[in-house]
Amino acid sequence: MAKKNTKSETYKVKGEDLLKKVKDLIHEGNIRSITIKNKEGQTLVQFPLTIGVVGTLIAPVLAAVGAIAALVTECSITIERK
């Protein structure tokens, strides 16, 4: 079943810029989910963002993104906006 009123955007980033880009996207708000894929297109991590997810609740996600950033040279971030 397709989700109504959502659109996807994809950004290509280098590993060292991954954490900053994810933080910037989360700060923008109105994002339903973030998917990070390696340069071959394999999904490395996918996590939903719900209204009200802030502070300590997002810290584990950012820690995981930081670990991924250390392992990849190039990746893509696909976001789903409402």
PDB file of N, CA and C in Angstrom:
ATOM      1  N   MET A   1       0.837  -1.175   0.000  1.00  0.00           N
ATOM      2  CA  MET A   1       0.000   0.000   0.000  1.00  0.00           C
ATOM      3  C   MET A   1       0.883   1.240   0.000  1.00  0.00           C
ATOM      4  N   ALA A   2       0.672   2.149  -0.919  1.00  0.00           N
ATOM      5  CA  ALA A   2       1.486   3.361  -1.038  1.00  0.00           C
ATOM      6  C   ALA A   2       1.097   4.369   0.042  1.00  0.00           C
ATOM      7  N   LYS A   3       2.110   5.066   0.500  1.00  0.00           N
ATOM      8  CA  LYS A   3       1.856   6.084   1.508  1.00  0.00           C
ATOM      9  C   LYS A   3       1.441   7.373   0.814  1.00  0.00           C
ATOM     10  N   LYS A   4       0.400   8.004   1.293  1.00  0.00           N
ATOM     11  CA  LYS A   4      -0.108   9.214   0.679  1.00  0.00           C
ATOM     12  C   LYS A   4       0.718  10.411   1.114  1.00  0.00           C
ATOM     13  N   ASN A   5       0.822  11.365   0.207  1.00  0.00           N
ATOM     14  CA  ASN A   5       1.486  12.634   0.484  1.00  0.00           C
ATOM     15  C   ASN A   5       2.930  12.489   0.948  1.00  0.00           C
ATOM     16  N   THR A   6       3.664  11.539   0.398  1.00  0.00           N
ATOM     17  CA  THR A   6       5.077  11.414   0.724  1.00  0.00           C
ATOM     18  C   THR A   6       5.890  11.514  -0.554  1.00  0.00           C
ATOM     19  N   LYS A   7       7.124  11.989  -0.413  1.00  0.00           N
ATOM     20  CA  LYS A   7       8.022  12.020  -1.558  1.00  0.00           C
ATOM     21  C   LYS A   7       9.411  11.637  -1.078  1.00  0.00           C
ATOM     22  N   SER A   8      10.179  11.075  -1.988  1.00  0.00           N
ATOM     23  CA  SER A   8      11.525  10.626  -1.651  1.00  0.00           C
ATOM     24  C   SER A   8      12.561  11.525  -2.303  1.00  0.00           C
ATOM     25  N   GLU A   9      13.671  11.696  -1.623  1.00  0.00           N
ATOM     26  CA  GLU A   9      14.815  12.434  -2.146  1.00  0.00           C
ATOM     27  C   GLU A   9      16.051  11.612  -1.827  1.00  0.00           C
ATOM     28  N   THR A  10      17.018  11.633  -2.729  1.00  0.00           N
ATOM     29  CA  THR A  10      18.259  10.894  -2.512  1.00  0.00           C
ATOM     30  C   THR A  10      19.438  11.841  -2.624  1.00  0.00           C
ATOM     31  N   TYR A  11      20.374  11.708  -1.696  1.00  0.00           N
ATOM     32  CA  TYR A  11      21.592  12.504  -1.667  1.00  0.00           C
ATOM     33  C   TYR A  11      22.785  11.562  -1.693  1.00  0.00           C
ATOM     34  N   LYS A  12      23.786  11.858  -2.493  1.00  0.00           N
ATOM     35  CA  LYS A  12      25.033  11.095  -2.495  1.00  0.00           C
ATOM     36  C   LYS A  12      26.037  11.875  -1.656  1.00  0.00           C
ATOM     37  N   VAL A  13      26.670  11.189  -0.709  1.00  0.00           N
ATOM     38  CA  VAL A  13      27.639  11.835   0.176  1.00  0.00           C
ATOM     39  C   VAL A  13      28.856  10.939   0.366  1.00  0.00           C
ATOM     40  N   LYS A  14      29.945  11.572   0.752  1.00  0.00           N
ATOM     41  CA  LYS A  14      31.149  10.826   1.115  1.00  0.00           C
ATOM     42  C   LYS A  14      31.010  10.404   2.570  1.00  0.00           C
ATOM     43  N   GLY A  15      31.721   9.358   2.941  1.00  0.00           N
ATOM     44  CA  GLY A  15      31.628   8.824   4.297  1.00  0.00           C
ATOM     45  C   GLY A  15      31.857   9.858   5.376  1.00  0.00           C
ATOM     46  N   GLU A  16      32.854  10.731   5.168  1.00  0.00           N
ATOM     47  CA  GLU A  16      33.164  11.720   6.209  1.00  0.00           C
ATOM     48  C   GLU A  16      32.080  12.789   6.363  1.00  0.00           C
ATOM     49  N   ASP A  17      31.213  12.937   5.353  1.00  0.00           N
ATOM     50  CA  ASP A  17      30.135  13.927   5.414  1.00  0.00           C
ATOM     51  C   ASP A  17      28.798  13.327   5.836  1.00  0.00           C
ATOM     52  N   LEU A  18      28.752  12.015   5.999  1.00  0.00           N
ATOM     53  CA  LEU A  18      27.497  11.317   6.270  1.00  0.00           C
ATOM     54  C   LEU A  18      26.817  11.786   7.558  1.00  0.00           C
ATOM     55  N   LEU A  19      27.536  11.798   8.647  1.00  0.00           N
ATOM     56  CA  LEU A  19      26.932  12.157   9.937  1.00  0.00           C
ATOM     57  C   LEU A  19      26.397  13.586   9.921  1.00  0.00           C
ATOM     58  N   LYS A  20      27.152  14.506   9.366  1.00  0.00           N
ATOM     59  CA  LYS A  20      26.706  15.905   9.301  1.00  0.00           C
ATOM     60  C   LYS A  20      25.430  16.026   8.468  1.00  0.00           C
ATOM     61  N   LYS A  21      25.382  15.341   7.324  1.00  0.00           N
ATOM     62  CA  LYS A  21      24.205  15.419   6.459  1.00  0.00           C
ATOM     63  C   LYS A  21      22.977  14.843   7.159  1.00  0.00           C
ATOM     64  N   VAL A  22      23.131  13.716   7.838  1.00  0.00           N
ATOM     65  CA  VAL A  22      21.995  13.121   8.556  1.00  0.00           C
ATOM     66  C   VAL A  22      21.520  14.060   9.661  1.00  0.00           C
ATOM     67  N   LYS A  23      22.443  14.655  10.405  1.00  0.00           N
ATOM     68  CA  LYS A  23      22.052  15.614  11.454  1.00  0.00           C
ATOM     69  C   LYS A  23      21.288  16.788  10.850  1.00  0.00           C
ATOM     70  N   ASP A  24      21.784  17.310   9.714  1.00  0.00           N
ATOM     71  CA  ASP A  24      21.104  18.431   9.053  1.00  0.00           C
ATOM     72  C   ASP A  24      19.692  18.046   8.616  1.00  0.00           C
ATOM     73  N   LEU A  25      19.542  16.848   8.059  1.00  0.00           N
ATOM     74  CA  LEU A  25      18.224  16.390   7.612  1.00  0.00           C
ATOM     75  C   LEU A  25      17.260  16.219   8.780  1.00  0.00           C
ATOM     76  N   ILE A  26      17.742  15.662   9.876  1.00  0.00           N
ATOM     77  CA  ILE A  26      16.889  15.487  11.056  1.00  0.00           C
ATOM     78  C   ILE A  26      16.461  16.848  11.592  1.00  0.00           C
ATOM     79  N   HIS A  27      17.391  17.800  11.584  1.00  0.00           N
ATOM     80  CA  HIS A  27      17.092  19.143  12.078  1.00  0.00           C
ATOM     81  C   HIS A  27      16.026  19.840  11.221  1.00  0.00           C
ATOM     82  N   GLU A  28      16.004  19.544   9.912  1.00  0.00           N
ATOM     83  CA  GLU A  28      15.005  20.141   9.016  1.00  0.00           C
ATOM     84  C   GLU A  28      13.590  19.753   9.412  1.00  0.00           C
ATOM     85  N   GLY A  29      13.434  18.567   9.947  1.00  0.00           N
ATOM     86  CA  GLY A  29      12.104  18.096  10.335  1.00  0.00           C
ATOM     87  C   GLY A  29      11.352  17.523   9.144  1.00  0.00           C
ATOM     88  N   ASN A  30      10.112  17.232   9.295  1.00  0.00           N
ATOM     89  CA  ASN A  30       9.157  16.654   8.341  1.00  0.00           C
ATOM     90  C   ASN A  30       9.694  15.443   7.570  1.00  0.00           C
ATOM     91  N   ILE A  31      10.637  14.703   8.156  1.00  0.00           N
ATOM     92  CA  ILE A  31      11.157  13.498   7.525  1.00  0.00           C
ATOM     93  C   ILE A  31      10.571  12.285   8.230  1.00  0.00           C
ATOM     94  N   ARG A  32      10.049  11.355   7.448  1.00  0.00           N
ATOM     95  CA  ARG A  32       9.432  10.150   8.015  1.00  0.00           C
ATOM     96  C   ARG A  32      10.438   9.028   8.220  1.00  0.00           C
ATOM     97  N   SER A  33      11.391   8.903   7.274  1.00  0.00           N
ATOM     98  CA  SER A  33      12.391   7.843   7.422  1.00  0.00           C
ATOM     99  C   SER A  33      13.654   8.197   6.655  1.00  0.00           C
ATOM    100  N   ILE A  34      14.758   7.579   7.068  1.00  0.00           N
ATOM    101  CA  ILE A  34      16.052   7.756   6.418  1.00  0.00           C
ATOM    102  C   ILE A  34      16.611   6.366   6.132  1.00  0.00           C
ATOM    103  N   THR A  35      17.086   6.177   4.903  1.00  0.00           N
ATOM    104  CA  THR A  35      17.726   4.932   4.496  1.00  0.00           C
ATOM    105  C   THR A  35      19.120   5.268   3.990  1.00  0.00           C
ATOM    106  N   ILE A  36      20.123   4.544   4.481  1.00  0.00           N
ATOM    107  CA  ILE A  36      21.496   4.750   4.037  1.00  0.00           C
ATOM    108  C   ILE A  36      21.925   3.493   3.282  1.00  0.00           C
ATOM    109  N   LYS A  37      22.417   3.707   2.055  1.00  0.00           N
ATOM    110  CA  LYS A  37      22.845   2.594   1.205  1.00  0.00           C
ATOM    111  C   LYS A  37      24.309   2.793   0.817  1.00  0.00           C
ATOM    112  N   ASN A  38      25.018   1.679   0.602  1.00  0.00           N
ATOM    113  CA  ASN A  38      26.397   1.791   0.141  1.00  0.00           C
ATOM    114  C   ASN A  38      26.402   2.102  -1.351  1.00  0.00           C
ATOM    115  N   LYS A  39      27.601   2.276  -1.924  1.00  0.00           N
ATOM    116  CA  LYS A  39      27.652   2.682  -3.335  1.00  0.00           C
ATOM    117  C   LYS A  39      27.158   1.604  -4.284  1.00  0.00           C
ATOM    118  N   GLU A  40      27.053   0.360  -3.825  1.00  0.00           N
ATOM    119  CA  GLU A  40      26.487  -0.712  -4.634  1.00  0.00           C
ATOM    120  C   GLU A  40      24.965  -0.753  -4.547  1.00  0.00           C
ATOM    121  N   GLY A  41      24.380   0.054  -3.697  1.00  0.00           N
ATOM    122  CA  GLY A  41      22.930   0.118  -3.566  1.00  0.00           C
ATOM    123  C   GLY A  41      22.352  -0.783  -2.492  1.00  0.00           C
ATOM    124  N   GLN A  42      23.212  -1.436  -1.708  1.00  0.00           N
ATOM    125  CA  GLN A  42      22.725  -2.303  -0.627  1.00  0.00           C
ATOM    126  C   GLN A  42      22.376  -1.442   0.584  1.00  0.00           C
ATOM    127  N   THR A  43      21.232  -1.709   1.187  1.00  0.00           N
ATOM    128  CA  THR A  43      20.799  -0.959   2.359  1.00  0.00           C
ATOM    129  C   THR A  43      21.665  -1.325   3.556  1.00  0.00           C
ATOM    130  N   LEU A  44      22.265  -0.303   4.172  1.00  0.00           N
ATOM    131  CA  LEU A  44      23.083  -0.500   5.368  1.00  0.00           C
ATOM    132  C   LEU A  44      22.260  -0.304   6.629  1.00  0.00           C
ATOM    133  N   VAL A  45      21.407   0.705   6.620  1.00  0.00           N
ATOM    134  CA  VAL A  45      20.547   0.981   7.770  1.00  0.00           C
ATOM    135  C   VAL A  45      19.335   1.776   7.298  1.00  0.00           C
ATOM    136  N   GLN A  46      18.216   1.522   7.949  1.00  0.00           N
ATOM    137  CA  GLN A  46      16.994   2.263   7.684  1.00  0.00           C
ATOM    138  C   GLN A  46      16.328   2.508   9.021  1.00  0.00           C
ATOM    139  N   PHE A  47      15.953   3.767   9.254  1.00  0.00           N
ATOM    140  CA  PHE A  47      15.273   4.043  10.511  1.00  0.00           C
ATOM    141  C   PHE A  47      14.175   5.074  10.302  1.00  0.00           C
ATOM    142  N   PRO A  48      13.053   4.866  10.995  1.00  0.00           N
ATOM    143  CA  PRO A  48      11.944   5.816  10.912  1.00  0.00           C
ATOM    144  C   PRO A  48      12.174   6.990  11.861  1.00  0.00           C
ATOM    145  N   LEU A  49      11.655   8.121  11.491  1.00  0.00           N
ATOM    146  CA  LEU A  49      11.676   9.286  12.372  1.00  0.00           C
ATOM    147  C   LEU A  49      10.233   9.700  12.588  1.00  0.00           C
ATOM    148  N   THR A  50       9.853   9.789  13.834  1.00  0.00           N
ATOM    149  CA  THR A  50       8.495  10.196  14.140  1.00  0.00           C
ATOM    150  C   THR A  50       8.536  11.557  14.813  1.00  0.00           C
ATOM    151  N   ILE A  51       7.438  12.236  14.763  1.00  0.00           N
ATOM    152  CA  ILE A  51       7.352  13.543  15.413  1.00  0.00           C
ATOM    153  C   ILE A  51       7.652  13.375  16.893  1.00  0.00           C
ATOM    154  N   GLY A  52       8.516  14.210  17.393  1.00  0.00           N
ATOM    155  CA  GLY A  52       8.860  14.145  18.805  1.00  0.00           C
ATOM    156  C   GLY A  52      10.119  13.359  19.108  1.00  0.00           C
ATOM    157  N   VAL A  53      10.757  12.784  18.089  1.00  0.00           N
ATOM    158  CA  VAL A  53      12.008  12.071  18.327  1.00  0.00           C
ATOM    159  C   VAL A  53      13.124  13.105  18.388  1.00  0.00           C
ATOM    160  N   VAL A  54      13.617  13.341  19.595  1.00  0.00           N
ATOM    161  CA  VAL A  54      14.664  14.341  19.794  1.00  0.00           C
ATOM    162  C   VAL A  54      15.620  13.887  20.879  1.00  0.00           C
ATOM    163  N   GLY A  55      16.708  14.618  20.994  1.00  0.00           N
ATOM    164  CA  GLY A  55      17.636  14.438  22.108  1.00  0.00           C
ATOM    165  C   GLY A  55      18.146  13.033  22.270  1.00  0.00           C
ATOM    166  N   THR A  56      17.949  12.482  23.452  1.00  0.00           N
ATOM    167  CA  THR A  56      18.523  11.182  23.781  1.00  0.00           C
ATOM    168  C   THR A  56      17.935  10.046  22.951  1.00  0.00           C
ATOM    169  N   LEU A  57      16.730  10.215  22.418  1.00  0.00           N
ATOM    170  CA  LEU A  57      16.139   9.161  21.603  1.00  0.00           C
ATOM    171  C   LEU A  57      16.836   9.026  20.254  1.00  0.00           C
ATOM    172  N   ILE A  58      17.401  10.111  19.737  1.00  0.00           N
ATOM    173  CA  ILE A  58      18.059  10.073  18.441  1.00  0.00           C
ATOM    174  C   ILE A  58      19.548   9.750  18.583  1.00  0.00           C
ATOM    175  N   ALA A  59      20.103   9.832  19.771  1.00  0.00           N
ATOM    176  CA  ALA A  59      21.531   9.583  19.991  1.00  0.00           C
ATOM    177  C   ALA A  59      21.995   8.207  19.508  1.00  0.00           C
ATOM    178  N   PRO A  60      21.270   7.122  19.783  1.00  0.00           N
ATOM    179  CA  PRO A  60      21.718   5.811  19.281  1.00  0.00           C
ATOM    180  C   PRO A  60      21.743   5.748  17.748  1.00  0.00           C
ATOM    181  N   VAL A  61      20.803   6.413  17.107  1.00  0.00           N
ATOM    182  CA  VAL A  61      20.767   6.444  15.649  1.00  0.00           C
ATOM    183  C   VAL A  61      21.997   7.162  15.126  1.00  0.00           C
ATOM    184  N   LEU A  62      22.334   8.302  15.721  1.00  0.00           N
ATOM    185  CA  LEU A  62      23.509   9.060  15.277  1.00  0.00           C
ATOM    186  C   LEU A  62      24.796   8.288  15.546  1.00  0.00           C
ATOM    187  N   ALA A  63      24.840   7.524  16.612  1.00  0.00           N
ATOM    188  CA  ALA A  63      26.013   6.699  16.901  1.00  0.00           C
ATOM    189  C   ALA A  63      26.177   5.623  15.816  1.00  0.00           C
ATOM    190  N   ALA A  64      25.079   5.022  15.398  1.00  0.00           N
ATOM    191  CA  ALA A  64      25.125   4.017  14.333  1.00  0.00           C
ATOM    192  C   ALA A  64      25.551   4.639  13.014  1.00  0.00           C
ATOM    193  N   VAL A  65      25.039   5.823  12.716  1.00  0.00           N
ATOM    194  CA  VAL A  65      25.426   6.527  11.489  1.00  0.00           C
ATOM    195  C   VAL A  65      26.911   6.869  11.519  1.00  0.00           C
ATOM    196  N   GLY A  66      27.420   7.282  12.677  1.00  0.00           N
ATOM    197  CA  GLY A  66      28.840   7.574  12.814  1.00  0.00           C
ATOM    198  C   GLY A  66      29.704   6.349  12.561  1.00  0.00           C
ATOM    199  N   ALA A  67      29.260   5.198  13.037  1.00  0.00           N
ATOM    200  CA  ALA A  67      30.001   3.953  12.805  1.00  0.00           C
ATOM    201  C   ALA A  67      29.996   3.584  11.325  1.00  0.00           C
ATOM    202  N   ILE A  68      28.870   3.771  10.671  1.00  0.00           N
ATOM    203  CA  ILE A  68      28.780   3.493   9.238  1.00  0.00           C
ATOM    204  C   ILE A  68      29.691   4.445   8.465  1.00  0.00           C
ATOM    205  N   ALA A  69      29.703   5.708   8.859  1.00  0.00           N
ATOM    206  CA  ALA A  69      30.533   6.708   8.181  1.00  0.00           C
ATOM    207  C   ALA A  69      32.007   6.320   8.220  1.00  0.00           C
ATOM    208  N   ALA A  70      32.428   5.686   9.297  1.00  0.00           N
ATOM    209  CA  ALA A  70      33.823   5.274   9.424  1.00  0.00           C
ATOM    210  C   ALA A  70      34.159   4.113   8.491  1.00  0.00           C
ATOM    211  N   LEU A  71      33.155   3.371   8.043  1.00  0.00           N
ATOM    212  CA  LEU A  71      33.380   2.186   7.231  1.00  0.00           C
ATOM    213  C   LEU A  71      33.194   2.387   5.733  1.00  0.00           C
ATOM    214  N   VAL A  72      32.466   3.405   5.332  1.00  0.00           N
ATOM    215  CA  VAL A  72      32.176   3.581   3.904  1.00  0.00           C
ATOM    216  C   VAL A  72      32.892   4.806   3.352  1.00  0.00           C
ATOM    217  N   THR A  73      33.211   4.744   2.067  1.00  0.00           N
ATOM    218  CA  THR A  73      33.825   5.896   1.415  1.00  0.00           C
ATOM    219  C   THR A  73      32.785   6.731   0.690  1.00  0.00           C
ATOM    220  N   GLU A  74      31.766   6.055   0.185  1.00  0.00           N
ATOM    221  CA  GLU A  74      30.690   6.724  -0.559  1.00  0.00           C
ATOM    222  C   GLU A  74      29.388   6.032  -0.235  1.00  0.00           C
ATOM    223  N   CYS A  75      28.315   6.813  -0.108  1.00  0.00           N
ATOM    224  CA  CYS A  75      27.021   6.207   0.145  1.00  0.00           C
ATOM    225  C   CYS A  75      25.923   7.154  -0.319  1.00  0.00           C
ATOM    226  N   SER A  76      24.698   6.696  -0.245  1.00  0.00           N
ATOM    227  CA  SER A  76      23.561   7.549  -0.577  1.00  0.00           C
ATOM    228  C   SER A  76      22.597   7.525   0.597  1.00  0.00           C
ATOM    229  N   ILE A  77      21.934   8.651   0.767  1.00  0.00           N
ATOM    230  CA  ILE A  77      20.919   8.803   1.806  1.00  0.00           C
ATOM    231  C   ILE A  77      19.600   9.043   1.082  1.00  0.00           C
ATOM    232  N   THR A  78      18.625   8.202   1.348  1.00  0.00           N
ATOM    233  CA  THR A  78      17.295   8.420   0.779  1.00  0.00           C
ATOM    234  C   THR A  78      16.374   8.777   1.933  1.00  0.00           C
ATOM    235  N   ILE A  79      15.702   9.895   1.771  1.00  0.00           N
ATOM    236  CA  ILE A  79      14.756  10.323   2.802  1.00  0.00           C
ATOM    237  C   ILE A  79      13.343  10.302   2.250  1.00  0.00           C
ATOM    238  N   GLU A  80      12.422  10.045   3.134  1.00  0.00           N
ATOM    239  CA  GLU A  80      11.016  10.087   2.774  1.00  0.00           C
ATOM    240  C   GLU A  80      10.402  11.232   3.573  1.00  0.00           C
ATOM    241  N   ARG A  81       9.868  12.193   2.856  1.00  0.00           N
ATOM    242  CA  ARG A  81       9.250  13.357   3.502  1.00  0.00           C
ATOM    243  C   ARG A  81       7.736  13.248   3.437  1.00  0.00           C
ATOM    244  N   LYS A  82       7.097  13.850   4.425  1.00  0.00           N
ATOM    245  CA  LYS A  82       5.640  13.915   4.417  1.00  0.00           C
ATOM    246  C   LYS A  82       5.224  15.196   3.764  1.00  0.00           C
TER     247      LYS A  82
END
